[in-house]
Amino acid sequence: MDRTPAVATETNEDAIPAADPFAIFEAWFAEAKGSEPNDPNAMALATATPGAAPSVRMVLLKGHGPDGFVFYTNFESRKGGELAANPQVALLFHWKSLRRQVRVEGTIMEVTPAEADVYFASRHPESRLGSAASDQSRPLPSREIYMERVAALRAQHPDGSVPRPAHWSGYRVTPHAIEFWQDRDYRLHERRRFTRIGQGEWTSSLLYP
């Protein structure tokens, strides 16, 4: 019996070019929006306390470009407290349908109140009510209590036009590093890491998988 191991037949050409990392992200994200069955904008957000205790959760990307990656949250939540104490974060996008992932490392900055108002107003009325009624991350004796708070707000704002709570806003992650990962046959994967060296300037190199 022939026991000769299989040999990878993929091309040696780079799947991840040494180009503008934001342009690469835009192209990959566009493909993900066409192939992912749910929430192509979902990303894992890793934070840490001043004592370096890590935590991670999924959030949704709500804006991106050369100035960074934007998400929204309750500033009084656990993640909000950790972000206030330690502005360093990491993001991870995993698009299983494309066999790709993107890692982002950087620091956060609050979006402007005007930006937060525009996004909050764009949400579904029930989502606005849910955010305003939630003391995110705090103990909840029963789901019934939360739903009663939502109902009370709905009665006050039957058209759903509840104002944005002052403690609900967004952050923009300004990256200092972006890493792209492309799955390849036989685990001969491809990785390229971009590191910021100046305003709008990046250097990159391939990494062993």
N, C-alpha and C. Protein backbone atom coordinates (compact mmCIF):
# COMPACT_ATOMS: atom_id res chain seq x y z
N MET A 1 0.85 -1.20 0.00
CA MET A 1 0.00 0.00 0.00
C MET A 1 0.88 1.24 0.00
N ASP A 2 0.49 2.21 -0.81
CA ASP A 2 1.25 3.45 -0.90
C ASP A 2 0.96 4.32 0.32
N ARG A 3 1.97 4.59 1.15
CA ARG A 3 1.78 5.41 2.35
C ARG A 3 2.41 6.79 2.18
N THR A 4 2.63 7.17 0.94
CA THR A 4 3.20 8.50 0.70
C THR A 4 2.24 9.56 1.20
N PRO A 5 2.67 10.46 2.08
CA PRO A 5 1.76 11.49 2.62
C PRO A 5 1.29 12.43 1.53
N ALA A 6 0.08 12.96 1.74
CA ALA A 6 -0.46 13.94 0.79
C ALA A 6 0.40 15.19 0.83
N VAL A 7 0.49 15.86 -0.29
CA VAL A 7 1.29 17.08 -0.40
C VAL A 7 0.37 18.23 -0.77
N ALA A 8 0.52 19.35 -0.08
CA ALA A 8 -0.31 20.51 -0.38
C ALA A 8 -0.06 20.97 -1.81
N THR A 9 -1.11 21.29 -2.50
CA THR A 9 -0.99 21.71 -3.89
C THR A 9 -1.34 23.18 -4.09
N GLU A 10 -1.57 23.91 -3.00
CA GLU A 10 -1.95 25.31 -3.13
C GLU A 10 -0.79 26.13 -3.70
N THR A 11 -1.14 27.23 -4.30
CA THR A 11 -0.14 28.15 -4.81
C THR A 11 0.65 28.77 -3.67
N ASN A 12 1.89 29.14 -3.95
CA ASN A 12 2.71 29.81 -2.95
C ASN A 12 2.49 31.32 -2.94
N GLU A 13 1.62 31.82 -3.80
CA GLU A 13 1.35 33.25 -3.85
C GLU A 13 0.63 33.69 -2.57
N ASP A 14 0.96 34.89 -2.09
CA ASP A 14 0.35 35.42 -0.89
C ASP A 14 -1.14 35.68 -1.11
N ALA A 15 -1.97 35.21 -0.17
CA ALA A 15 -3.40 35.52 -0.21
C ALA A 15 -3.68 36.85 0.47
N ILE A 16 -2.73 37.30 1.29
CA ILE A 16 -2.88 38.55 2.03
C ILE A 16 -1.79 39.51 1.55
N PRO A 17 -2.12 40.51 0.78
CA PRO A 17 -1.09 41.39 0.23
C PRO A 17 -0.53 42.36 1.26
N ALA A 18 0.66 42.86 0.98
CA ALA A 18 1.28 43.90 1.81
C ALA A 18 0.73 45.24 1.33
N ALA A 19 -0.53 45.50 1.67
CA ALA A 19 -1.24 46.68 1.18
C ALA A 19 -1.81 47.45 2.37
N ASP A 20 -2.73 48.35 2.10
CA ASP A 20 -3.40 49.11 3.16
C ASP A 20 -4.26 48.14 3.98
N PRO A 21 -4.00 47.98 5.29
CA PRO A 21 -4.77 47.01 6.07
C PRO A 21 -6.26 47.34 6.13
N PHE A 22 -6.61 48.63 6.10
CA PHE A 22 -8.03 48.98 6.13
C PHE A 22 -8.72 48.60 4.82
N ALA A 23 -8.01 48.68 3.71
CA ALA A 23 -8.57 48.26 2.43
C ALA A 23 -8.76 46.74 2.41
N ILE A 24 -7.82 46.01 2.98
CA ILE A 24 -7.96 44.56 3.06
C ILE A 24 -9.17 44.21 3.93
N PHE A 25 -9.27 44.88 5.09
CA PHE A 25 -10.41 44.62 5.97
C PHE A 25 -11.73 44.91 5.26
N GLU A 26 -11.80 46.03 4.56
CA GLU A 26 -13.02 46.40 3.85
C GLU A 26 -13.41 45.32 2.84
N ALA A 27 -12.44 44.79 2.12
CA ALA A 27 -12.73 43.76 1.13
C ALA A 27 -13.19 42.47 1.80
N TRP A 28 -12.49 42.07 2.87
CA TRP A 28 -12.88 40.84 3.57
C TRP A 28 -14.25 41.00 4.22
N PHE A 29 -14.50 42.16 4.82
CA PHE A 29 -15.79 42.39 5.49
C PHE A 29 -16.93 42.36 4.47
N ALA A 30 -16.71 42.92 3.31
CA ALA A 30 -17.73 42.89 2.26
C ALA A 30 -18.06 41.45 1.87
N GLU A 31 -17.03 40.61 1.76
CA GLU A 31 -17.26 39.20 1.44
C GLU A 31 -18.01 38.51 2.57
N ALA A 32 -17.66 38.84 3.81
CA ALA A 32 -18.31 38.21 4.96
C ALA A 32 -19.80 38.56 5.01
N LYS A 33 -20.13 39.79 4.64
CA LYS A 33 -21.54 40.18 4.65
C LYS A 33 -22.35 39.39 3.64
N GLY A 34 -21.68 38.83 2.63
CA GLY A 34 -22.38 38.03 1.65
C GLY A 34 -22.38 36.55 1.94
N SER A 35 -21.55 36.12 2.91
CA SER A 35 -21.42 34.68 3.14
C SER A 35 -21.78 34.23 4.55
N GLU A 36 -21.65 35.11 5.54
CA GLU A 36 -21.94 34.71 6.91
C GLU A 36 -23.46 34.64 7.13
N PRO A 37 -23.97 33.56 7.74
CA PRO A 37 -25.42 33.44 7.94
C PRO A 37 -25.97 34.40 8.97
N ASN A 38 -25.17 34.79 9.95
CA ASN A 38 -25.62 35.70 11.01
C ASN A 38 -24.51 36.64 11.44
N ASP A 39 -24.86 37.90 11.61
CA ASP A 39 -23.97 38.89 12.22
C ASP A 39 -22.53 38.86 11.72
N PRO A 40 -22.30 39.18 10.45
CA PRO A 40 -20.91 39.26 9.97
C PRO A 40 -20.11 40.34 10.69
N ASN A 41 -20.80 41.27 11.35
CA ASN A 41 -20.12 42.33 12.09
C ASN A 41 -19.85 41.97 13.54
N ALA A 42 -20.11 40.71 13.92
CA ALA A 42 -19.82 40.28 15.30
C ALA A 42 -18.32 40.19 15.51
N MET A 43 -17.88 40.66 16.66
CA MET A 43 -16.45 40.60 16.98
C MET A 43 -16.29 40.38 18.47
N ALA A 44 -15.28 39.60 18.84
CA ALA A 44 -14.95 39.40 20.25
C ALA A 44 -14.16 40.61 20.72
N LEU A 45 -14.56 41.16 21.86
CA LEU A 45 -13.88 42.30 22.46
C LEU A 45 -13.23 41.85 23.76
N ALA A 46 -11.91 41.92 23.81
CA ALA A 46 -11.16 41.55 25.01
C ALA A 46 -10.73 42.81 25.76
N THR A 47 -11.00 42.82 27.06
CA THR A 47 -10.59 43.92 27.92
C THR A 47 -9.84 43.34 29.11
N ALA A 48 -9.28 44.21 29.94
CA ALA A 48 -8.58 43.75 31.14
C ALA A 48 -8.69 44.80 32.22
N THR A 49 -8.66 44.34 33.46
CA THR A 49 -8.67 45.24 34.60
C THR A 49 -7.26 45.82 34.79
N PRO A 50 -7.12 46.83 35.65
CA PRO A 50 -5.77 47.34 35.93
C PRO A 50 -4.85 46.25 36.47
N GLY A 51 -5.44 45.22 37.09
CA GLY A 51 -4.65 44.12 37.61
C GLY A 51 -4.39 43.03 36.59
N ALA A 52 -4.77 43.29 35.32
CA ALA A 52 -4.51 42.39 34.19
C ALA A 52 -5.41 41.17 34.15
N ALA A 53 -6.55 41.18 34.87
CA ALA A 53 -7.51 40.09 34.75
C ALA A 53 -8.31 40.29 33.47
N PRO A 54 -8.25 39.34 32.54
CA PRO A 54 -8.90 39.53 31.24
C PRO A 54 -10.37 39.12 31.26
N SER A 55 -11.14 39.65 30.32
CA SER A 55 -12.50 39.20 30.06
C SER A 55 -12.80 39.46 28.59
N VAL A 56 -13.71 38.68 28.05
CA VAL A 56 -14.01 38.79 26.62
C VAL A 56 -15.49 38.53 26.40
N ARG A 57 -16.07 39.21 25.41
CA ARG A 57 -17.46 39.04 25.05
C ARG A 57 -17.65 39.46 23.61
N MET A 58 -18.79 39.07 23.02
CA MET A 58 -19.08 39.46 21.64
C MET A 58 -19.83 40.79 21.62
N VAL A 59 -19.42 41.67 20.73
CA VAL A 59 -20.12 42.93 20.47
C VAL A 59 -20.26 43.06 18.96
N LEU A 60 -20.95 44.11 18.52
CA LEU A 60 -21.17 44.31 17.09
C LEU A 60 -20.42 45.54 16.59
N LEU A 61 -19.72 45.38 15.50
CA LEU A 61 -19.06 46.50 14.83
C LEU A 61 -20.12 47.39 14.20
N LYS A 62 -20.07 48.68 14.52
CA LYS A 62 -21.07 49.62 13.99
C LYS A 62 -20.47 50.73 13.16
N GLY A 63 -19.20 50.67 12.90
CA GLY A 63 -18.55 51.64 12.04
C GLY A 63 -17.08 51.28 11.93
N HIS A 64 -16.48 51.55 10.78
CA HIS A 64 -15.06 51.27 10.63
C HIS A 64 -14.49 52.10 9.49
N GLY A 65 -13.19 52.31 9.55
CA GLY A 65 -12.49 53.09 8.54
C GLY A 65 -11.09 53.38 9.03
N PRO A 66 -10.36 54.22 8.34
CA PRO A 66 -8.98 54.53 8.73
C PRO A 66 -8.85 55.10 10.14
N ASP A 67 -9.95 55.64 10.69
CA ASP A 67 -9.88 56.18 12.05
C ASP A 67 -10.16 55.12 13.11
N GLY A 68 -10.55 53.91 12.71
CA GLY A 68 -10.73 52.86 13.70
C GLY A 68 -12.01 52.07 13.56
N PHE A 69 -12.32 51.29 14.61
CA PHE A 69 -13.45 50.38 14.64
C PHE A 69 -14.38 50.79 15.78
N VAL A 70 -15.67 50.98 15.49
CA VAL A 70 -16.61 51.55 16.45
C VAL A 70 -17.60 50.50 16.95
N PHE A 71 -17.84 50.51 18.26
CA PHE A 71 -18.91 49.70 18.86
C PHE A 71 -19.57 50.53 19.97
N TYR A 72 -20.75 50.10 20.39
CA TYR A 72 -21.52 50.84 21.39
C TYR A 72 -21.82 49.95 22.59
N THR A 73 -21.95 50.59 23.76
CA THR A 73 -22.19 49.82 24.97
C THR A 73 -22.70 50.72 26.09
N ASN A 74 -23.03 50.09 27.20
CA ASN A 74 -23.40 50.79 28.43
C ASN A 74 -22.11 51.05 29.21
N PHE A 75 -21.79 52.31 29.43
CA PHE A 75 -20.54 52.65 30.11
C PHE A 75 -20.51 52.16 31.57
N GLU A 76 -21.69 51.83 32.12
CA GLU A 76 -21.76 51.37 33.50
C GLU A 76 -21.72 49.85 33.61
N SER A 77 -21.54 49.18 32.48
CA SER A 77 -21.43 47.72 32.47
C SER A 77 -20.05 47.28 32.94
N ARG A 78 -19.86 45.97 33.05
CA ARG A 78 -18.53 45.47 33.43
C ARG A 78 -17.48 45.90 32.43
N LYS A 79 -17.78 45.74 31.13
CA LYS A 79 -16.79 46.13 30.14
C LYS A 79 -16.55 47.62 30.17
N GLY A 80 -17.62 48.40 30.43
CA GLY A 80 -17.46 49.84 30.53
C GLY A 80 -16.51 50.23 31.64
N GLY A 81 -16.63 49.56 32.80
CA GLY A 81 -15.73 49.83 33.91
C GLY A 81 -14.30 49.46 33.59
N GLU A 82 -14.13 48.31 32.91
CA GLU A 82 -12.78 47.89 32.56
C GLU A 82 -12.16 48.82 31.52
N LEU A 83 -12.97 49.29 30.58
CA LEU A 83 -12.47 50.20 29.56
C LEU A 83 -12.08 51.55 30.16
N ALA A 84 -12.85 51.98 31.17
CA ALA A 84 -12.52 53.26 31.82
C ALA A 84 -11.21 53.16 32.59
N ALA A 85 -10.92 51.96 33.11
CA ALA A 85 -9.71 51.77 33.91
C ALA A 85 -8.49 51.42 33.06
N ASN A 86 -8.73 50.78 31.91
CA ASN A 86 -7.63 50.32 31.06
C ASN A 86 -8.08 50.43 29.61
N PRO A 87 -7.59 51.41 28.87
CA PRO A 87 -8.07 51.67 27.51
C PRO A 87 -7.52 50.74 26.44
N GLN A 88 -6.69 49.77 26.83
CA GLN A 88 -6.12 48.86 25.84
C GLN A 88 -7.08 47.69 25.60
N VAL A 89 -7.35 47.40 24.32
CA VAL A 89 -8.30 46.34 23.97
C VAL A 89 -7.76 45.51 22.81
N ALA A 90 -8.43 44.39 22.59
CA ALA A 90 -8.18 43.57 21.41
C ALA A 90 -9.53 43.14 20.84
N LEU A 91 -9.60 43.07 19.52
CA LEU A 91 -10.80 42.62 18.82
C LEU A 91 -10.45 41.39 18.00
N LEU A 92 -11.44 40.53 17.79
CA LEU A 92 -11.25 39.37 16.93
C LEU A 92 -12.50 39.15 16.09
N PHE A 93 -12.33 39.17 14.77
CA PHE A 93 -13.39 38.78 13.84
C PHE A 93 -13.09 37.36 13.37
N HIS A 94 -14.09 36.49 13.39
CA HIS A 94 -13.91 35.14 12.87
C HIS A 94 -15.04 34.86 11.89
N TRP A 95 -14.69 34.74 10.62
CA TRP A 95 -15.68 34.46 9.58
C TRP A 95 -15.49 33.02 9.12
N LYS A 96 -16.24 32.11 9.75
CA LYS A 96 -16.07 30.69 9.51
C LYS A 96 -16.36 30.33 8.06
N SER A 97 -17.34 31.02 7.45
CA SER A 97 -17.70 30.71 6.07
C SER A 97 -16.56 30.99 5.10
N LEU A 98 -15.68 31.92 5.46
CA LEU A 98 -14.56 32.29 4.61
C LEU A 98 -13.24 31.69 5.08
N ARG A 99 -13.29 31.02 6.24
CA ARG A 99 -12.07 30.46 6.82
C ARG A 99 -11.03 31.57 7.05
N ARG A 100 -11.50 32.67 7.64
CA ARG A 100 -10.63 33.82 7.87
C ARG A 100 -10.86 34.38 9.26
N GLN A 101 -9.85 35.05 9.78
CA GLN A 101 -10.02 35.83 10.98
C GLN A 101 -9.13 37.07 10.92
N VAL A 102 -9.55 38.08 11.68
CA VAL A 102 -8.79 39.33 11.76
C VAL A 102 -8.66 39.70 13.23
N ARG A 103 -7.43 39.97 13.66
CA ARG A 103 -7.17 40.42 15.02
C ARG A 103 -6.76 41.90 14.99
N VAL A 104 -7.30 42.65 15.94
CA VAL A 104 -7.00 44.08 16.05
C VAL A 104 -6.56 44.37 17.48
N GLU A 105 -5.48 45.12 17.63
CA GLU A 105 -5.01 45.55 18.95
C GLU A 105 -4.89 47.06 18.94
N GLY A 106 -5.41 47.70 19.99
CA GLY A 106 -5.34 49.15 20.01
C GLY A 106 -5.87 49.74 21.30
N THR A 107 -6.17 51.03 21.26
CA THR A 107 -6.71 51.74 22.41
C THR A 107 -8.03 52.38 22.03
N ILE A 108 -8.85 52.65 23.05
CA ILE A 108 -10.19 53.17 22.79
C ILE A 108 -10.28 54.68 23.07
N MET A 109 -11.25 55.29 22.39
CA MET A 109 -11.60 56.68 22.62
C MET A 109 -13.11 56.80 22.45
N GLU A 110 -13.77 57.57 23.29
CA GLU A 110 -15.22 57.72 23.18
C GLU A 110 -15.59 58.41 21.87
N VAL A 111 -16.68 57.98 21.26
CA VAL A 111 -17.21 58.70 20.11
C VAL A 111 -17.85 59.98 20.62
N THR A 112 -18.16 60.90 19.75
CA THR A 112 -18.79 62.15 20.17
C THR A 112 -20.25 61.90 20.56
N PRO A 113 -20.82 62.75 21.42
CA PRO A 113 -22.24 62.62 21.74
C PRO A 113 -23.13 62.65 20.50
N ALA A 114 -22.76 63.47 19.51
CA ALA A 114 -23.54 63.55 18.28
C ALA A 114 -23.54 62.21 17.54
N GLU A 115 -22.37 61.57 17.47
CA GLU A 115 -22.29 60.26 16.82
C GLU A 115 -23.15 59.24 17.55
N ALA A 116 -23.08 59.26 18.89
CA ALA A 116 -23.86 58.31 19.69
C ALA A 116 -25.35 58.55 19.51
N ASP A 117 -25.76 59.82 19.46
CA ASP A 117 -27.18 60.15 19.27
C ASP A 117 -27.69 59.63 17.93
N VAL A 118 -26.91 59.81 16.89
CA VAL A 118 -27.32 59.36 15.55
C VAL A 118 -27.48 57.85 15.53
N TYR A 119 -26.50 57.14 16.10
CA TYR A 119 -26.62 55.68 16.06
C TYR A 119 -27.78 55.20 16.93
N PHE A 120 -27.93 55.76 18.14
CA PHE A 120 -29.01 55.32 19.03
C PHE A 120 -30.37 55.53 18.36
N ALA A 121 -30.53 56.65 17.68
CA ALA A 121 -31.80 56.94 17.00
C ALA A 121 -32.05 55.99 15.83
N SER A 122 -30.99 55.38 15.29
CA SER A 122 -31.15 54.48 14.15
C SER A 122 -31.58 53.08 14.57
N ARG A 123 -31.52 52.78 15.85
CA ARG A 123 -31.85 51.44 16.34
C ARG A 123 -33.36 51.21 16.33
N HIS A 124 -33.75 49.95 16.33
CA HIS A 124 -35.17 49.61 16.42
C HIS A 124 -35.73 50.15 17.74
N PRO A 125 -36.95 50.67 17.76
CA PRO A 125 -37.52 51.22 19.00
C PRO A 125 -37.42 50.27 20.19
N GLU A 126 -37.66 48.98 19.96
CA GLU A 126 -37.58 48.02 21.07
C GLU A 126 -36.15 47.90 21.60
N SER A 127 -35.16 48.02 20.71
CA SER A 127 -33.77 47.97 21.14
C SER A 127 -33.42 49.19 21.97
N ARG A 128 -33.95 50.35 21.57
CA ARG A 128 -33.71 51.56 22.36
C ARG A 128 -34.33 51.43 23.75
N LEU A 129 -35.55 50.91 23.81
CA LEU A 129 -36.21 50.72 25.10
C LEU A 129 -35.42 49.74 25.97
N GLY A 130 -34.95 48.65 25.35
CA GLY A 130 -34.21 47.64 26.10
C GLY A 130 -32.92 48.18 26.68
N SER A 131 -32.22 49.00 25.91
CA SER A 131 -30.96 49.58 26.39
C SER A 131 -31.21 50.55 27.54
N ALA A 132 -32.25 51.38 27.40
CA ALA A 132 -32.54 52.38 28.42
C ALA A 132 -33.02 51.74 29.72
N ALA A 133 -33.66 50.57 29.62
CA ALA A 133 -34.20 49.91 30.81
C ALA A 133 -33.18 49.03 31.52
N SER A 134 -32.04 48.79 30.90
CA SER A 134 -31.08 47.82 31.44
C SER A 134 -30.01 48.45 32.30
N ASP A 135 -29.80 47.86 33.49
CA ASP A 135 -28.62 48.17 34.30
C ASP A 135 -27.59 47.10 33.98
N GLN A 136 -27.01 47.19 32.82
CA GLN A 136 -26.20 46.11 32.26
C GLN A 136 -25.12 45.62 33.21
N SER A 137 -25.02 44.30 33.31
CA SER A 137 -24.02 43.59 34.11
C SER A 137 -24.37 43.52 35.60
N ARG A 138 -25.41 44.22 36.05
CA ARG A 138 -25.78 44.18 37.45
C ARG A 138 -26.73 43.02 37.71
N PRO A 139 -26.76 42.50 38.95
CA PRO A 139 -27.65 41.37 39.26
C PRO A 139 -29.11 41.71 38.97
N LEU A 140 -29.83 40.73 38.41
CA LEU A 140 -31.25 40.88 38.07
C LEU A 140 -32.03 39.77 38.78
N PRO A 141 -32.90 40.11 39.74
CA PRO A 141 -33.64 39.09 40.49
C PRO A 141 -34.50 38.19 39.60
N SER A 142 -35.11 38.76 38.56
CA SER A 142 -35.91 37.96 37.65
C SER A 142 -36.05 38.71 36.32
N ARG A 143 -36.24 37.96 35.24
CA ARG A 143 -36.43 38.58 33.93
C ARG A 143 -37.70 39.44 33.92
N GLU A 144 -38.68 39.03 34.73
CA GLU A 144 -39.94 39.77 34.78
C GLU A 144 -39.71 41.23 35.16
N ILE A 145 -38.79 41.47 36.08
CA ILE A 145 -38.51 42.84 36.52
C ILE A 145 -37.97 43.67 35.34
N TYR A 146 -37.06 43.07 34.58
CA TYR A 146 -36.51 43.79 33.42
C TYR A 146 -37.61 44.09 32.41
N MET A 147 -38.47 43.12 32.10
CA MET A 147 -39.53 43.33 31.13
C MET A 147 -40.54 44.36 31.62
N GLU A 148 -40.75 44.42 32.93
CA GLU A 148 -41.65 45.44 33.49
C GLU A 148 -41.06 46.83 33.29
N ARG A 149 -39.75 46.95 33.44
CA ARG A 149 -39.09 48.24 33.21
C ARG A 149 -39.19 48.65 31.74
N VAL A 150 -39.03 47.67 30.83
CA VAL A 150 -39.19 47.96 29.40
C VAL A 150 -40.61 48.42 29.12
N ALA A 151 -41.59 47.74 29.71
CA ALA A 151 -43.00 48.09 29.49
C ALA A 151 -43.30 49.49 30.02
N ALA A 152 -42.72 49.83 31.18
CA ALA A 152 -42.96 51.16 31.75
C ALA A 152 -42.40 52.25 30.84
N LEU A 153 -41.23 52.01 30.29
CA LEU A 153 -40.65 52.98 29.35
C LEU A 153 -41.46 53.06 28.07
N ARG A 154 -41.98 51.93 27.62
CA ARG A 154 -42.79 51.91 26.41
C ARG A 154 -44.06 52.74 26.61
N ALA A 155 -44.62 52.68 27.81
CA ALA A 155 -45.82 53.48 28.11
C ALA A 155 -45.50 54.97 28.10
N GLN A 156 -44.29 55.32 28.53
CA GLN A 156 -43.88 56.72 28.53
C GLN A 156 -43.52 57.21 27.13
N HIS A 157 -43.03 56.29 26.31
CA HIS A 157 -42.60 56.64 24.96
C HIS A 157 -43.23 55.65 23.97
N PRO A 158 -44.53 55.76 23.74
CA PRO A 158 -45.22 54.78 22.88
C PRO A 158 -44.68 54.71 21.45
N ASP A 159 -44.05 55.78 20.99
CA ASP A 159 -43.48 55.75 19.64
C ASP A 159 -42.05 55.24 19.64
N GLY A 160 -41.56 54.84 20.82
CA GLY A 160 -40.21 54.29 20.92
C GLY A 160 -39.11 55.33 20.94
N SER A 161 -39.46 56.60 21.02
CA SER A 161 -38.45 57.66 20.93
C SER A 161 -37.84 57.97 22.30
N VAL A 162 -37.45 56.93 23.01
CA VAL A 162 -36.78 57.14 24.29
C VAL A 162 -35.42 57.78 24.03
N PRO A 163 -35.06 58.80 24.80
CA PRO A 163 -33.76 59.45 24.57
C PRO A 163 -32.59 58.56 24.95
N ARG A 164 -31.46 58.79 24.33
CA ARG A 164 -30.27 58.02 24.65
C ARG A 164 -29.83 58.30 26.08
N PRO A 165 -29.67 57.25 26.90
CA PRO A 165 -29.16 57.46 28.27
C PRO A 165 -27.75 58.04 28.23
N ALA A 166 -27.44 58.89 29.17
CA ALA A 166 -26.12 59.54 29.20
C ALA A 166 -24.99 58.53 29.32
N HIS A 167 -25.27 57.38 29.96
CA HIS A 167 -24.22 56.37 30.16
C HIS A 167 -24.16 55.36 29.03
N TRP A 168 -24.91 55.57 27.97
CA TRP A 168 -24.89 54.66 26.82
C TRP A 168 -24.28 55.40 25.64
N SER A 169 -23.14 54.92 25.18
CA SER A 169 -22.46 55.60 24.07
C SER A 169 -21.54 54.59 23.38
N GLY A 170 -20.55 55.11 22.68
CA GLY A 170 -19.70 54.23 21.90
C GLY A 170 -18.23 54.52 22.09
N TYR A 171 -17.42 53.57 21.61
CA TYR A 171 -15.98 53.71 21.61
C TYR A 171 -15.45 53.46 20.20
N ARG A 172 -14.39 54.12 19.90
CA ARG A 172 -13.66 53.88 18.65
C ARG A 172 -12.30 53.27 19.03
N VAL A 173 -12.02 52.11 18.48
CA VAL A 173 -10.74 51.46 18.72
C VAL A 173 -9.75 51.92 17.66
N THR A 174 -8.72 52.63 18.09
CA THR A 174 -7.66 53.05 17.18
C THR A 174 -6.57 51.98 17.19
N PRO A 175 -6.40 51.25 16.09
CA PRO A 175 -5.47 50.12 16.12
C PRO A 175 -4.00 50.52 16.00
N HIS A 176 -3.16 49.80 16.71
CA HIS A 176 -1.72 49.92 16.48
C HIS A 176 -1.18 48.66 15.82
N ALA A 177 -2.05 47.62 15.74
CA ALA A 177 -1.67 46.40 15.03
C ALA A 177 -2.92 45.72 14.50
N ILE A 178 -2.85 45.17 13.29
CA ILE A 178 -3.93 44.42 12.67
C ILE A 178 -3.32 43.17 12.04
N GLU A 179 -3.88 42.03 12.38
CA GLU A 179 -3.34 40.77 11.84
C GLU A 179 -4.44 40.01 11.08
N PHE A 180 -4.12 39.60 9.87
CA PHE A 180 -5.04 38.84 9.02
C PHE A 180 -4.58 37.39 8.97
N TRP A 181 -5.55 36.48 9.04
CA TRP A 181 -5.26 35.04 9.03
C TRP A 181 -6.16 34.38 7.99
N GLN A 182 -5.57 33.62 7.11
CA GLN A 182 -6.30 32.90 6.07
C GLN A 182 -6.04 31.40 6.22
N ASP A 183 -7.10 30.63 6.34
CA ASP A 183 -6.97 29.19 6.43
C ASP A 183 -6.43 28.63 5.12
N ARG A 184 -5.52 27.68 5.23
CA ARG A 184 -5.00 26.98 4.05
C ARG A 184 -5.06 25.48 4.30
N ASP A 185 -5.03 24.70 3.25
CA ASP A 185 -5.08 23.25 3.38
C ASP A 185 -3.93 22.73 4.24
N TYR A 186 -4.20 21.63 4.95
CA TYR A 186 -3.20 20.93 5.77
C TYR A 186 -2.60 21.83 6.85
N ARG A 187 -3.37 22.84 7.27
CA ARG A 187 -2.94 23.79 8.31
C ARG A 187 -1.70 24.59 7.92
N LEU A 188 -1.47 24.71 6.63
CA LEU A 188 -0.37 25.56 6.15
C LEU A 188 -0.93 26.97 5.97
N HIS A 189 -1.42 27.51 7.07
CA HIS A 189 -2.17 28.77 7.04
C HIS A 189 -1.27 29.95 6.67
N GLU A 190 -1.93 31.08 6.40
CA GLU A 190 -1.20 32.31 6.07
C GLU A 190 -1.57 33.40 7.06
N ARG A 191 -0.56 34.08 7.58
CA ARG A 191 -0.78 35.18 8.54
C ARG A 191 0.07 36.37 8.11
N ARG A 192 -0.52 37.55 8.18
CA ARG A 192 0.24 38.78 7.95
C ARG A 192 -0.14 39.78 9.04
N ARG A 193 0.86 40.34 9.68
CA ARG A 193 0.64 41.31 10.75
C ARG A 193 1.10 42.69 10.30
N PHE A 194 0.22 43.65 10.46
CA PHE A 194 0.52 45.05 10.16
C PHE A 194 0.73 45.79 11.47
N THR A 195 1.77 46.61 11.53
CA THR A 195 2.07 47.41 12.71
C THR A 195 2.16 48.88 12.31
N ARG A 196 1.47 49.74 13.05
CA ARG A 196 1.48 51.17 12.74
C ARG A 196 2.83 51.77 13.11
N ILE A 197 3.39 52.53 12.18
CA ILE A 197 4.68 53.19 12.44
C ILE A 197 4.56 54.71 12.37
N GLY A 198 3.39 55.20 12.07
CA GLY A 198 3.15 56.64 11.98
C GLY A 198 1.73 56.90 11.58
N GLN A 199 1.36 58.16 11.47
CA GLN A 199 0.01 58.52 11.07
C GLN A 199 -0.27 58.04 9.65
N GLY A 200 -1.12 57.03 9.54
CA GLY A 200 -1.45 56.49 8.23
C GLY A 200 -0.38 55.63 7.61
N GLU A 201 0.68 55.32 8.37
CA GLU A 201 1.78 54.51 7.84
C GLU A 201 1.85 53.18 8.59
N TRP A 202 2.03 52.11 7.82
CA TRP A 202 2.08 50.77 8.40
C TRP A 202 3.25 49.99 7.80
N THR A 203 3.78 49.09 8.58
CA THR A 203 4.71 48.10 8.07
C THR A 203 4.09 46.73 8.30
N SER A 204 4.46 45.74 7.48
CA SER A 204 3.85 44.42 7.65
C SER A 204 4.86 43.32 7.36
N SER A 205 4.56 42.15 7.87
CA SER A 205 5.36 40.97 7.57
C SER A 205 4.51 39.74 7.73
N LEU A 206 4.85 38.70 7.00
CA LEU A 206 4.20 37.42 7.18
C LEU A 206 4.69 36.80 8.49
N LEU A 207 3.84 35.98 9.11
CA LEU A 207 4.20 35.25 10.32
C LEU A 207 4.06 33.75 10.05
N TYR A 208 4.90 32.98 10.70
CA TYR A 208 4.69 31.54 10.61
C TYR A 208 3.31 31.20 11.20
N PRO A 209 2.58 30.27 10.60
CA PRO A 209 1.25 29.94 11.13
C PRO A 209 1.36 29.10 12.41
